[in-house]
Amino acid sequence: MPLIAIVLAALAVGFEQLVQWKYGPMGIIAFVALTVGVKARNTVISGTGAVVLVMLLARSG
């Protein structure tokens, strides 16, 4: 079980670094808002984070 938690944490940190490298500070803010909103079960915060991430993805693609 601890191995799975370590692997998941490493993947999360890696994904966060990828978002920051590719989409800058706004990508990190959106990713954090999405994560916090999902953990807090707040649809407004998670929806805002998701919309900003989609807009960043659409802009770069």
Protein backbone atom coordinates (compact mmCIF):
# COMPACT_ATOMS: atom_id res chain seq x y z
CA MET A 1 0.00 0.00 0.00
CA PRO A 2 2.72 2.58 0.79
CA LEU A 3 4.34 1.80 -2.57
CA ILE A 4 1.12 2.66 -4.38
CA ALA A 5 0.84 5.95 -2.46
CA ILE A 6 4.43 6.85 -3.34
CA VAL A 7 3.87 6.06 -7.01
CA LEU A 8 0.65 8.09 -7.10
CA ALA A 9 2.37 11.03 -5.38
CA ALA A 10 5.23 10.87 -7.88
CA LEU A 11 2.78 10.84 -10.78
CA ALA A 12 0.89 13.80 -9.34
CA VAL A 13 4.09 15.82 -8.89
CA GLY A 14 5.23 14.88 -12.39
CA PHE A 15 1.90 15.95 -13.88
CA GLU A 16 2.02 19.20 -11.93
CA GLN A 17 5.52 19.94 -13.27
CA LEU A 18 4.38 19.15 -16.81
CA VAL A 19 1.42 21.53 -16.48
CA GLN A 20 3.64 24.27 -15.07
CA TRP A 21 6.25 23.81 -17.81
CA LYS A 22 3.73 23.79 -20.64
CA TYR A 23 1.01 26.17 -19.42
CA GLY A 24 2.77 28.37 -16.88
CA PRO A 25 1.39 29.75 -13.65
CA MET A 26 -2.21 29.87 -14.89
CA GLY A 27 -2.06 26.13 -15.54
CA ILE A 28 -0.90 25.49 -11.98
CA ILE A 29 -3.63 27.73 -10.55
CA ALA A 30 -6.27 25.90 -12.61
CA PHE A 31 -4.88 22.48 -11.64
CA VAL A 32 -4.86 23.40 -7.95
CA ALA A 33 -8.40 24.80 -8.17
CA LEU A 34 -9.59 21.61 -9.84
CA THR A 35 -7.88 19.42 -7.23
CA VAL A 36 -9.11 21.45 -4.26
CA GLY A 37 -12.62 21.58 -5.67
CA VAL A 38 -12.78 17.83 -6.17
CA LYS A 39 -11.39 17.08 -2.69
CA ALA A 40 -13.76 19.59 -1.06
CA ARG A 41 -16.67 18.45 -3.28
CA ASN A 42 -17.19 22.05 -4.36
CA THR A 43 -18.49 22.10 -7.92
CA VAL A 44 -17.90 25.82 -8.44
CA ILE A 45 -14.17 25.66 -7.69
CA SER A 46 -13.60 22.38 -9.55
CA GLY A 47 -15.65 23.59 -12.50
CA THR A 48 -13.69 26.83 -12.70
CA GLY A 49 -10.40 24.94 -12.62
CA ALA A 50 -11.60 22.54 -15.29
CA VAL A 51 -12.80 25.34 -17.56
CA VAL A 52 -9.50 27.21 -17.28
CA LEU A 53 -7.54 24.02 -18.05
CA VAL A 54 -9.72 23.33 -21.08
CA MET A 55 -9.23 26.90 -22.31
CA LEU A 56 -5.46 26.55 -21.92
CA LEU A 57 -5.49 23.24 -23.77
CA ALA A 58 -7.64 24.65 -26.57
CA ARG A 59 -5.38 27.67 -26.95
CA SER A 60 -2.20 25.63 -27.33
CA GLY A 61 -3.69 22.91 -29.58
